[in-house]
PDB file of all heavy atoms in Angstrom:
ATOM      1  N   ILE A   1     130.118  81.765 110.484  1.00  0.00           N
ATOM      2  CA  ILE A   1     130.782  82.798 109.681  1.00  0.00           C
ATOM      3  C   ILE A   1     129.623  83.873 109.251  1.00  0.00           C
ATOM      4  O   ILE A   1     129.690  84.975 109.309  1.00  0.00           O
ATOM      5  CB  ILE A   1     131.375  82.144 108.385  1.00  0.00           C
ATOM      6  CG1 ILE A   1     132.689  81.535 108.733  1.00  0.00           C
ATOM      7  CG2 ILE A   1     131.563  83.290 107.400  1.00  0.00           C
ATOM      8  CD1 ILE A   1     133.439  80.800 107.627  1.00  0.00           C
ATOM      9  N   ASP A   2     128.427  83.227 108.865  1.00  0.00           N
ATOM     10  CA  ASP A   2     127.363  84.028 108.396  1.00  0.00           C
ATOM     11  C   ASP A   2     126.864  84.908 109.559  1.00  0.00           C
ATOM     12  O   ASP A   2     126.534  86.163 109.323  1.00  0.00           O
ATOM     13  CB  ASP A   2     126.207  83.129 107.844  1.00  0.00           C
ATOM     14  CG  ASP A   2     126.529  82.535 106.561  1.00  0.00           C
ATOM     15  OD1 ASP A   2     127.418  83.119 105.837  1.00  0.00           O
ATOM     16  OD2 ASP A   2     125.808  81.568 106.125  1.00  0.00           O
ATOM     17  N   LEU A   3     126.768  84.321 110.819  1.00  0.00           N
ATOM     18  CA  LEU A   3     126.467  85.029 112.045  1.00  0.00           C
ATOM     19  C   LEU A   3     127.307  86.213 112.226  1.00  0.00           C
ATOM     20  O   LEU A   3     126.865  87.423 112.461  1.00  0.00           O
ATOM     21  CB  LEU A   3     126.365  84.158 113.230  1.00  0.00           C
ATOM     22  CG  LEU A   3     126.208  84.773 114.579  1.00  0.00           C
ATOM     23  CD1 LEU A   3     124.819  85.528 114.731  1.00  0.00           C
ATOM     24  CD2 LEU A   3     126.513  83.869 115.775  1.00  0.00           C
ATOM     25  N   GLN A   4     128.597  86.013 112.089  1.00  0.00           N
ATOM     26  CA  GLN A   4     129.588  87.010 112.432  1.00  0.00           C
ATOM     27  C   GLN A   4     129.539  88.132 111.315  1.00  0.00           C
ATOM     28  O   GLN A   4     129.760  89.371 111.601  1.00  0.00           O
ATOM     29  CB  GLN A   4     130.973  86.422 112.509  1.00  0.00           C
ATOM     30  CG  GLN A   4     131.109  85.263 113.705  1.00  0.00           C
ATOM     31  CD  GLN A   4     130.763  85.888 114.997  1.00  0.00           C
ATOM     32  OE1 GLN A   4     130.105  86.906 115.282  1.00  0.00           O
ATOM     33  NE2 GLN A   4     131.271  85.151 116.063  1.00  0.00           N
ATOM     34  N   LYS A   5     129.309  87.695 110.147  1.00  0.00           N
ATOM     35  CA  LYS A   5     129.137  88.711 109.017  1.00  0.00           C
ATOM     36  C   LYS A   5     128.014  89.675 109.315  1.00  0.00           C
ATOM     37  O   LYS A   5     128.197  90.798 109.106  1.00  0.00           O
ATOM     38  CB  LYS A   5     128.913  88.042 107.656  1.00  0.00           C
ATOM     39  CG  LYS A   5     130.198  87.426 107.058  1.00  0.00           C
ATOM     40  CD  LYS A   5     129.708  86.805 105.740  1.00  0.00           C
ATOM     41  CE  LYS A   5     131.035  86.248 104.913  1.00  0.00           C
ATOM     42  NZ  LYS A   5     130.648  85.586 103.626  1.00  0.00           N
ATOM     43  N   GLY A   6     126.831  89.234 109.710  1.00  0.00           N
ATOM     44  CA  GLY A   6     125.678  89.973 109.991  1.00  0.00           C
ATOM     45  C   GLY A   6     126.146  90.890 111.081  1.00  0.00           C
ATOM     46  O   GLY A   6     125.786  92.148 111.175  1.00  0.00           O
ATOM     47  N   LEU A   7     126.915  90.561 112.186  1.00  0.00           N
ATOM     48  CA  LEU A   7     127.258  91.464 113.244  1.00  0.00           C
ATOM     49  C   LEU A   7     128.396  92.446 113.009  1.00  0.00           C
ATOM     50  O   LEU A   7     128.437  93.570 113.524  1.00  0.00           O
ATOM     51  CB  LEU A   7     127.561  90.528 114.526  1.00  0.00           C
ATOM     52  CG  LEU A   7     126.350  89.829 115.052  1.00  0.00           C
ATOM     53  CD1 LEU A   7     126.751  88.804 116.133  1.00  0.00           C
ATOM     54  CD2 LEU A   7     125.314  90.843 115.623  1.00  0.00           C
ATOM     55  N   LEU A   8     129.277  91.947 112.003  1.00  0.00           N
ATOM     56  CA  LEU A   8     130.261  92.970 111.535  1.00  0.00           C
ATOM     57  C   LEU A   8     129.542  94.070 110.677  1.00  0.00           C
ATOM     58  O   LEU A   8     130.119  95.263 110.856  1.00  0.00           O
ATOM     59  CB  LEU A   8     131.168  92.179 110.474  1.00  0.00           C
ATOM     60  CG  LEU A   8     132.295  91.316 111.175  1.00  0.00           C
ATOM     61  CD1 LEU A   8     132.874  90.439 110.207  1.00  0.00           C
ATOM     62  CD2 LEU A   8     133.243  92.128 112.059  1.00  0.00           C
ATOM     63  N   GLU A   9     128.448  93.755 109.966  1.00  0.00           N
ATOM     64  CA  GLU A   9     127.681  94.930 109.520  1.00  0.00           C
ATOM     65  C   GLU A   9     127.199  95.810 110.510  1.00  0.00           C
ATOM     66  O   GLU A   9     127.108  97.072 110.341  1.00  0.00           O
ATOM     67  CB  GLU A   9     126.567  94.351 108.560  1.00  0.00           C
ATOM     68  CG  GLU A   9     127.019  93.607 107.279  1.00  0.00           C
ATOM     69  CD  GLU A   9     126.040  93.036 106.461  1.00  0.00           C
ATOM     70  OE1 GLU A   9     125.046  92.624 107.067  1.00  0.00           O
ATOM     71  OE2 GLU A   9     126.204  92.909 105.265  1.00  0.00           O
ATOM     72  N   LYS A  10     126.688  95.283 111.551  1.00  0.00           N
ATOM     73  CA  LYS A  10     126.158  96.023 112.674  1.00  0.00           C
ATOM     74  C   LYS A  10     127.290  96.838 113.335  1.00  0.00           C
ATOM     75  O   LYS A  10     127.145  98.050 113.574  1.00  0.00           O
ATOM     76  CB  LYS A  10     125.479  95.084 113.777  1.00  0.00           C
ATOM     77  CG  LYS A  10     124.985  95.941 114.914  1.00  0.00           C
ATOM     78  CD  LYS A  10     123.975  95.088 115.739  1.00  0.00           C
ATOM     79  CE  LYS A  10     122.596  94.947 115.015  1.00  0.00           C
ATOM     80  NZ  LYS A  10     121.613  94.234 115.972  1.00  0.00           N
ATOM     81  N   ALA A  11     128.504  96.356 113.452  1.00  0.00           N
ATOM     82  CA  ALA A  11     129.593  97.122 114.030  1.00  0.00           C
ATOM     83  C   ALA A  11     129.916  98.250 113.149  1.00  0.00           C
ATOM     84  O   ALA A  11     130.293  99.334 113.578  1.00  0.00           O
ATOM     85  CB  ALA A  11     130.819  96.097 114.280  1.00  0.00           C
ATOM     86  N   ALA A  12     129.950  98.041 111.792  1.00  0.00           N
ATOM     87  CA  ALA A  12     130.276  99.104 110.889  1.00  0.00           C
ATOM     88  C   ALA A  12     129.193 100.131 110.925  1.00  0.00           C
ATOM     89  O   ALA A  12     129.515 101.302 110.934  1.00  0.00           O
ATOM     90  CB  ALA A  12     130.337  98.409 109.514  1.00  0.00           C
ATOM     91  N   ALA A  13     127.933  99.785 111.089  1.00  0.00           N
ATOM     92  CA  ALA A  13     126.858 100.689 111.184  1.00  0.00           C
ATOM     93  C   ALA A  13     127.073 101.617 112.449  1.00  0.00           C
ATOM     94  O   ALA A  13     126.593 102.820 112.575  1.00  0.00           O
ATOM     95  CB  ALA A  13     125.479 100.026 111.248  1.00  0.00           C
ATOM     96  N   LEU A  14     127.552 101.056 113.516  1.00  0.00           N
ATOM     97  CA  LEU A  14     127.723 101.868 114.678  1.00  0.00           C
ATOM     98  C   LEU A  14     129.067 102.743 114.601  1.00  0.00           C
ATOM     99  O   LEU A  14     129.169 103.700 115.448  1.00  0.00           O
ATOM    100  CB  LEU A  14     128.088 100.815 115.883  1.00  0.00           C
ATOM    101  CG  LEU A  14     126.940 100.072 116.432  1.00  0.00           C
ATOM    102  CD1 LEU A  14     127.357  98.901 117.508  1.00  0.00           C
ATOM    103  CD2 LEU A  14     125.944 101.032 117.131  1.00  0.00           C
ATOM    104  N   GLY A  15     129.949 102.612 113.599  1.00  0.00           N
ATOM    105  CA  GLY A  15     130.969 103.360 113.451  1.00  0.00           C
ATOM    106  C   GLY A  15     132.252 102.801 114.274  1.00  0.00           C
ATOM    107  O   GLY A  15     133.140 103.619 114.433  1.00  0.00           O
ATOM    108  N   CYS A  16     132.160 101.564 114.655  1.00  0.00           N
ATOM    109  CA  CYS A  16     133.252 100.971 115.468  1.00  0.00           C
ATOM    110  C   CYS A  16     134.533 100.898 114.520  1.00  0.00           C
ATOM    111  O   CYS A  16     134.371 100.601 113.352  1.00  0.00           O
ATOM    112  CB  CYS A  16     133.034  99.620 115.965  1.00  0.00           C
ATOM    113  SG  CYS A  16     131.637  99.707 117.311  1.00  0.00           S
ATOM    114  N   ARG A  17     135.679 100.905 115.077  1.00  0.00           N
ATOM    115  CA  ARG A  17     136.950 100.836 114.277  1.00  0.00           C
ATOM    116  C   ARG A  17     137.386  99.332 114.253  1.00  0.00           C
ATOM    117  O   ARG A  17     138.044  98.863 113.310  1.00  0.00           O
ATOM    118  CB  ARG A  17     138.009 101.738 114.869  1.00  0.00           C
ATOM    119  CG  ARG A  17     137.760 103.240 114.826  1.00  0.00           C
ATOM    120  CD  ARG A  17     138.919 103.913 115.102  1.00  0.00           C
ATOM    121  NE  ARG A  17     138.658 105.374 115.095  1.00  0.00           N
ATOM    122  CZ  ARG A  17     139.537 106.311 115.338  1.00  0.00           C
ATOM    123  NH1 ARG A  17     140.740 105.919 115.657  1.00  0.00           N
ATOM    124  NH2 ARG A  17     139.257 107.544 115.236  1.00  0.00           N
ATOM    125  N   LYS A  18     137.129  98.579 115.428  1.00  0.00           N
ATOM    126  CA  LYS A  18     137.661  97.249 115.529  1.00  0.00           C
ATOM    127  C   LYS A  18     136.458  96.362 115.826  1.00  0.00           C
ATOM    128  O   LYS A  18     135.556  96.731 116.547  1.00  0.00           O
ATOM    129  CB  LYS A  18     138.716  97.149 116.676  1.00  0.00           C
ATOM    130  CG  LYS A  18     139.788  98.248 116.576  1.00  0.00           C
ATOM    131  CD  LYS A  18     140.674  98.055 115.438  1.00  0.00           C
ATOM    132  CE  LYS A  18     141.753  99.186 115.408  1.00  0.00           C
ATOM    133  NZ  LYS A  18     142.517  99.207 114.259  1.00  0.00           N
ATOM    134  N   ALA A  19     136.612  95.153 115.500  1.00  0.00           N
ATOM    135  CA  ALA A  19     135.692  93.948 115.955  1.00  0.00           C
ATOM    136  C   ALA A  19     136.495  92.919 116.425  1.00  0.00           C
ATOM    137  O   ALA A  19     137.522  92.428 115.769  1.00  0.00           O
ATOM    138  CB  ALA A  19     134.855  93.576 114.730  1.00  0.00           C
ATOM    139  N   VAL A  20     136.226  92.366 117.700  1.00  0.00           N
ATOM    140  CA  VAL A  20     136.976  91.483 118.394  1.00  0.00           C
ATOM    141  C   VAL A  20     136.311  90.071 118.179  1.00  0.00           C
ATOM    142  O   VAL A  20     135.145  89.903 118.328  1.00  0.00           O
ATOM    143  CB  VAL A  20     137.097  91.818 119.849  1.00  0.00           C
ATOM    144  CG1 VAL A  20     137.864  90.682 120.580  1.00  0.00           C
ATOM    145  CG2 VAL A  20     137.799  93.124 120.009  1.00  0.00           C
ATOM    146  N   ILE A  21     137.155  89.047 117.765  1.00  0.00           N
ATOM    147  CA  ILE A  21     136.542  87.645 117.574  1.00  0.00           C
ATOM    148  C   ILE A  21     137.448  86.709 118.376  1.00  0.00           C
ATOM    149  O   ILE A  21     138.554  86.758 118.470  1.00  0.00           O
ATOM    150  CB  ILE A  21     136.535  87.395 116.148  1.00  0.00           C
ATOM    151  CG1 ILE A  21     135.731  86.028 115.815  1.00  0.00           C
ATOM    152  CG2 ILE A  21     137.953  87.308 115.502  1.00  0.00           C
ATOM    153  CD1 ILE A  21     135.358  85.857 114.343  1.00  0.00           C
ATOM    154  N   HIS A  22     136.667  85.732 118.939  1.00  0.00           N
ATOM    155  CA  HIS A  22     137.285  84.486 119.525  1.00  0.00           C
ATOM    156  C   HIS A  22     137.579  83.403 118.443  1.00  0.00           C
ATOM    157  O   HIS A  22     136.636  83.211 117.641  1.00  0.00           O
ATOM    158  CB  HIS A  22     136.337  83.911 120.569  1.00  0.00           C
ATOM    159  CG  HIS A  22     136.327  84.620 121.950  1.00  0.00           C
ATOM    160  ND1 HIS A  22     135.920  84.125 123.043  1.00  0.00           N
ATOM    161  CD2 HIS A  22     136.618  85.857 122.214  1.00  0.00           C
ATOM    162  CE1 HIS A  22     135.941  85.086 123.984  1.00  0.00           C
ATOM    163  NE2 HIS A  22     136.394  86.255 123.453  1.00  0.00           N
ATOM    164  N   PRO A  23     138.844  82.962 118.301  1.00  0.00           N
ATOM    165  CA  PRO A  23     138.963  81.928 117.305  1.00  0.00           C
ATOM    166  C   PRO A  23     138.433  80.619 117.551  1.00  0.00           C
ATOM    167  O   PRO A  23     138.445  79.792 116.638  1.00  0.00           O
ATOM    168  CB  PRO A  23     140.651  81.883 117.244  1.00  0.00           C
ATOM    169  CG  PRO A  23     140.981  82.422 118.706  1.00  0.00           C
ATOM    170  CD  PRO A  23     139.973  83.390 119.133  1.00  0.00           C
ATOM    171  N   SER A  24     137.890  80.353 118.742  1.00  0.00           N
ATOM    172  CA  SER A  24     137.363  78.947 118.959  1.00  0.00           C
ATOM    173  C   SER A  24     136.454  79.191 120.294  1.00  0.00           C
ATOM    174  O   SER A  24     136.517  80.112 121.021  1.00  0.00           O
ATOM    175  CB  SER A  24     138.329  77.876 119.152  1.00  0.00           C
ATOM    176  OG  SER A  24     138.917  77.958 120.477  1.00  0.00           O
ATOM    177  N   GLY A  25     135.694  78.053 120.510  1.00  0.00           N
ATOM    178  CA  GLY A  25     135.072  77.871 121.769  1.00  0.00           C
ATOM    179  C   GLY A  25     135.996  76.895 122.577  1.00  0.00           C
ATOM    180  O   GLY A  25     137.238  76.760 122.512  1.00  0.00           O
ATOM    181  N   GLU A  26     135.322  76.264 123.612  1.00  0.00           N
ATOM    182  CA  GLU A  26     135.960  75.360 124.524  1.00  0.00           C
ATOM    183  C   GLU A  26     135.142  74.445 125.122  1.00  0.00           C
ATOM    184  O   GLU A  26     133.795  74.790 125.215  1.00  0.00           O
ATOM    185  CB  GLU A  26     136.824  76.147 125.555  1.00  0.00           C
ATOM    186  CG  GLU A  26     136.064  77.055 126.492  1.00  0.00           C
ATOM    187  CD  GLU A  26     136.972  77.597 127.608  1.00  0.00           C
ATOM    188  OE1 GLU A  26     137.931  77.023 127.951  1.00  0.00           O
ATOM    189  OE2 GLU A  26     136.524  78.677 128.022  1.00  0.00           O
ATOM    190  N   PRO A  27     135.403  73.420 125.672  1.00  0.00           N
ATOM    191  CA  PRO A  27     136.899  72.841 125.717  1.00  0.00           C
ATOM    192  C   PRO A  27     137.183  72.246 124.370  1.00  0.00           C
ATOM    193  O   PRO A  27     136.277  71.654 123.718  1.00  0.00           O
ATOM    194  CB  PRO A  27     136.918  71.737 126.824  1.00  0.00           C
ATOM    195  CG  PRO A  27     135.522  71.324 126.846  1.00  0.00           C
ATOM    196  CD  PRO A  27     134.534  72.493 126.488  1.00  0.00           C
ATOM    197  N   LEU A  28     138.423  72.224 123.989  1.00  0.00           N
ATOM    198  CA  LEU A  28     138.789  71.473 122.705  1.00  0.00           C
ATOM    199  C   LEU A  28     139.648  70.196 123.030  1.00  0.00           C
ATOM    200  O   LEU A  28     140.471  70.190 123.920  1.00  0.00           O
ATOM    201  CB  LEU A  28     139.744  72.365 121.864  1.00  0.00           C
ATOM    202  CG  LEU A  28     139.149  73.761 121.464  1.00  0.00           C
ATOM    203  CD1 LEU A  28     140.008  74.471 120.500  1.00  0.00           C
ATOM    204  CD2 LEU A  28     137.776  73.561 120.782  1.00  0.00           C
ATOM    205  N   ASP A  29     139.365  69.328 122.212  1.00  0.00           N
ATOM    206  CA  ASP A  29     140.123  67.954 122.236  1.00  0.00           C
ATOM    207  C   ASP A  29     141.539  68.225 121.661  1.00  0.00           C
ATOM    208  O   ASP A  29     141.574  68.605 120.524  1.00  0.00           O
ATOM    209  CB  ASP A  29     139.326  66.917 121.523  1.00  0.00           C
ATOM    210  CG  ASP A  29     139.962  65.570 121.649  1.00  0.00           C
ATOM    211  OD1 ASP A  29     141.195  65.302 121.805  1.00  0.00           O
ATOM    212  OD2 ASP A  29     139.257  64.491 121.308  1.00  0.00           O
ATOM    213  N   GLU A  30     142.516  67.893 122.428  1.00  0.00           N
ATOM    214  CA  GLU A  30     143.925  68.165 121.830  1.00  0.00           C
ATOM    215  C   GLU A  30     144.216  67.376 120.590  1.00  0.00           C
ATOM    216  O   GLU A  30     144.955  67.851 119.784  1.00  0.00           O
ATOM    217  CB  GLU A  30     144.968  67.676 122.874  1.00  0.00           C
ATOM    218  CG  GLU A  30     145.143  68.650 124.071  1.00  0.00           C
ATOM    219  CD  GLU A  30     145.465  70.102 123.645  1.00  0.00           C
ATOM    220  OE1 GLU A  30     146.475  70.307 123.001  1.00  0.00           O
ATOM    221  OE2 GLU A  30     144.777  71.124 123.962  1.00  0.00           O
ATOM    222  N   ALA A  31     143.544  66.196 120.341  1.00  0.00           N
ATOM    223  CA  ALA A  31     143.726  65.460 119.107  1.00  0.00           C
ATOM    224  C   ALA A  31     143.083  66.170 117.904  1.00  0.00           C
ATOM    225  O   ALA A  31     143.466  65.920 116.690  1.00  0.00           O
ATOM    226  CB  ALA A  31     142.987  64.112 119.300  1.00  0.00           C
ATOM    227  N   GLU A  32     142.347  67.213 118.191  1.00  0.00           N
ATOM    228  CA  GLU A  32     141.454  67.946 117.051  1.00  0.00           C
ATOM    229  C   GLU A  32     142.209  69.313 116.913  1.00  0.00           C
ATOM    230  O   GLU A  32     141.738  70.022 115.988  1.00  0.00           O
ATOM    231  CB  GLU A  32     140.063  68.192 117.286  1.00  0.00           C
ATOM    232  CG  GLU A  32     139.302  66.804 117.487  1.00  0.00           C
ATOM    233  CD  GLU A  32     137.890  67.131 117.757  1.00  0.00           C
ATOM    234  OE1 GLU A  32     137.540  68.150 118.167  1.00  0.00           O
ATOM    235  OE2 GLU A  32     137.042  66.155 117.534  1.00  0.00           O
ATOM    236  N   ARG A  33     143.229  69.622 117.639  1.00  0.00           N
ATOM    237  CA  ARG A  33     143.674  70.967 117.722  1.00  0.00           C
ATOM    238  C   ARG A  33     144.214  71.501 116.421  1.00  0.00           C
ATOM    239  O   ARG A  33     143.923  72.579 115.923  1.00  0.00           O
ATOM    240  CB  ARG A  33     144.767  71.080 118.793  1.00  0.00           C
ATOM    241  CG  ARG A  33     145.064  72.571 119.157  1.00  0.00           C
ATOM    242  CD  ARG A  33     145.932  72.636 120.454  1.00  0.00           C
ATOM    243  NE  ARG A  33     145.804  73.995 120.806  1.00  0.00           N
ATOM    244  CZ  ARG A  33     144.820  74.511 121.637  1.00  0.00           C
ATOM    245  NH1 ARG A  33     143.860  73.602 122.070  1.00  0.00           N
ATOM    246  NH2 ARG A  33     144.868  75.622 122.009  1.00  0.00           N
ATOM    247  N   ALA A  34     145.111  70.675 115.792  1.00  0.00           N
ATOM    248  CA  ALA A  34     145.633  71.145 114.419  1.00  0.00           C
ATOM    249  C   ALA A  34     144.592  71.353 113.437  1.00  0.00           C
ATOM    250  O   ALA A  34     144.606  72.355 112.650  1.00  0.00           O
ATOM    251  CB  ALA A  34     146.669  70.196 113.937  1.00  0.00           C
ATOM    252  N   ALA A  35     143.631  70.424 113.323  1.00  0.00           N
ATOM    253  CA  ALA A  35     142.514  70.599 112.323  1.00  0.00           C
ATOM    254  C   ALA A  35     141.622  71.763 112.670  1.00  0.00           C
ATOM    255  O   ALA A  35     141.307  72.502 111.747  1.00  0.00           O
ATOM    256  CB  ALA A  35     141.657  69.298 112.306  1.00  0.00           C
ATOM    257  N   ARG A  36     141.390  71.982 113.866  1.00  0.00           N
ATOM    258  CA  ARG A  36     140.624  73.195 114.279  1.00  0.00           C
ATOM    259  C   ARG A  36     141.331  74.428 114.045  1.00  0.00           C
ATOM    260  O   ARG A  36     140.702  75.491 113.696  1.00  0.00           O
ATOM    261  CB  ARG A  36     140.197  73.097 115.794  1.00  0.00           C
ATOM    262  CG  ARG A  36     138.959  72.196 116.101  1.00  0.00           C
ATOM    263  CD  ARG A  36     138.641  72.234 117.551  1.00  0.00           C
ATOM    264  NE  ARG A  36     137.329  71.638 117.798  1.00  0.00           N
ATOM    265  CZ  ARG A  36     136.122  72.113 117.791  1.00  0.00           C
ATOM    266  NH1 ARG A  36     136.048  73.460 117.401  1.00  0.00           N
ATOM    267  NH2 ARG A  36     135.087  71.398 118.008  1.00  0.00           N
ATOM    268  N   LEU A  37     142.722  74.472 114.257  1.00  0.00           N
ATOM    269  CA  LEU A  37     143.457  75.618 113.873  1.00  0.00           C
ATOM    270  C   LEU A  37     143.205  76.031 112.392  1.00  0.00           C
ATOM    271  O   LEU A  37     143.046  77.184 112.086  1.00  0.00           O
ATOM    272  CB  LEU A  37     144.913  75.465 114.246  1.00  0.00           C
ATOM    273  CG  LEU A  37     145.805  76.555 114.102  1.00  0.00           C
ATOM    274  CD1 LEU A  37     145.439  77.702 115.178  1.00  0.00           C
ATOM    275  CD2 LEU A  37     147.320  76.170 114.411  1.00  0.00           C
ATOM    276  N   GLU A  38     143.295  74.955 111.533  1.00  0.00           N
ATOM    277  CA  GLU A  38     143.153  75.245 110.136  1.00  0.00           C
ATOM    278  C   GLU A  38     141.709  75.715 109.853  1.00  0.00           C
ATOM    279  O   GLU A  38     141.524  76.625 108.874  1.00  0.00           O
ATOM    280  CB  GLU A  38     143.457  73.946 109.267  1.00  0.00           C
ATOM    281  CG  GLU A  38     144.928  73.557 109.347  1.00  0.00           C
ATOM    282  CD  GLU A  38     145.853  74.824 108.983  1.00  0.00           C
ATOM    283  OE1 GLU A  38     145.690  75.281 107.870  1.00  0.00           O
ATOM    284  OE2 GLU A  38     146.730  75.106 109.658  1.00  0.00           O
ATOM    285  N   GLN A  39     140.723  75.154 110.531  1.00  0.00           N
ATOM    286  CA  GLN A  39     139.314  75.613 110.189  1.00  0.00           C
ATOM    287  C   GLN A  39     139.259  77.181 110.565  1.00  0.00           C
ATOM    288  O   GLN A  39     138.603  77.864 110.007  1.00  0.00           O
ATOM    289  CB  GLN A  39     138.335  74.811 111.027  1.00  0.00           C
ATOM    290  CG  GLN A  39     138.195  73.353 110.595  1.00  0.00           C
ATOM    291  CD  GLN A  39     137.442  73.282 109.255  1.00  0.00           C
ATOM    292  OE1 GLN A  39     138.049  73.326 108.197  1.00  0.00           O
ATOM    293  NE2 GLN A  39     136.087  72.989 109.391  1.00  0.00           N
ATOM    294  N   ALA A  40     139.846  77.364 111.893  1.00  0.00           N
ATOM    295  CA  ALA A  40     139.677  78.836 112.155  1.00  0.00           C
ATOM    296  C   ALA A  40     140.306  79.766 111.227  1.00  0.00           C
ATOM    297  O   ALA A  40     139.834  80.853 110.965  1.00  0.00           O
ATOM    298  CB  ALA A  40     140.456  79.028 113.547  1.00  0.00           C
ATOM    299  N   LYS A  41     141.529  79.341 110.719  1.00  0.00           N
ATOM    300  CA  LYS A  41     142.180  80.179 109.703  1.00  0.00           C
ATOM    301  C   LYS A  41     141.332  80.475 108.470  1.00  0.00           C
ATOM    302  O   LYS A  41     141.385  81.475 107.939  1.00  0.00           O
ATOM    303  CB  LYS A  41     143.598  79.537 109.471  1.00  0.00           C
ATOM    304  CG  LYS A  41     144.521  79.749 110.626  1.00  0.00           C
ATOM    305  CD  LYS A  41     145.815  78.918 110.387  1.00  0.00           C
ATOM    306  CE  LYS A  41     146.743  79.552 109.574  1.00  0.00           C
ATOM    307  NZ  LYS A  41     148.116  78.822 109.483  1.00  0.00           N
ATOM    308  N   LYS A  42     140.721  79.383 107.924  1.00  0.00           N
ATOM    309  CA  LYS A  42     139.882  79.505 106.744  1.00  0.00           C
ATOM    310  C   LYS A  42     138.708  80.498 107.115  1.00  0.00           C
ATOM    311  O   LYS A  42     138.400  81.351 106.376  1.00  0.00           O
ATOM    312  CB  LYS A  42     139.238  78.113 106.468  1.00  0.00           C
ATOM    313  CG  LYS A  42     140.288  77.167 105.757  1.00  0.00           C
ATOM    314  CD  LYS A  42     139.522  76.017 105.057  1.00  0.00           C
ATOM    315  CE  LYS A  42     138.689  75.189 106.101  1.00  0.00           C
ATOM    316  NZ  LYS A  42     138.099  74.109 105.368  1.00  0.00           N
ATOM    317  N   SER A  43     138.210  80.414 108.221  1.00  0.00           N
ATOM    318  CA  SER A  43     137.138  81.362 108.634  1.00  0.00           C
ATOM    319  C   SER A  43     137.636  82.709 108.887  1.00  0.00           C
ATOM    320  O   SER A  43     137.015  83.796 108.325  1.00  0.00           O
ATOM    321  CB  SER A  43     136.425  80.840 110.073  1.00  0.00           C
ATOM    322  OG  SER A  43     136.054  79.528 109.937  1.00  0.00           O
ATOM    323  N   LEU A  44     138.776  83.031 109.392  1.00  0.00           N
ATOM    324  CA  LEU A  44     139.395  84.209 109.648  1.00  0.00           C
ATOM    325  C   LEU A  44     139.545  84.975 108.375  1.00  0.00           C
ATOM    326  O   LEU A  44     139.583  86.133 108.151  1.00  0.00           O
ATOM    327  CB  LEU A  44     140.547  84.237 110.574  1.00  0.00           C
ATOM    328  CG  LEU A  44     140.193  83.894 112.073  1.00  0.00           C
ATOM    329  CD1 LEU A  44     141.512  83.559 112.705  1.00  0.00           C
ATOM    330  CD2 LEU A  44     139.429  85.124 112.767  1.00  0.00           C
TER     331      LEU A  44
END
């Protein structure tokens, strides 16, 4: 989150309108999927 905050500031300094983010890496264990979805939503 802290890394992406710093780069969002850079995107804003560039004058960009949108910033694109990946909600996860890979590969993901299916048994962890629901928990990871909640973690991603907290971060987003």
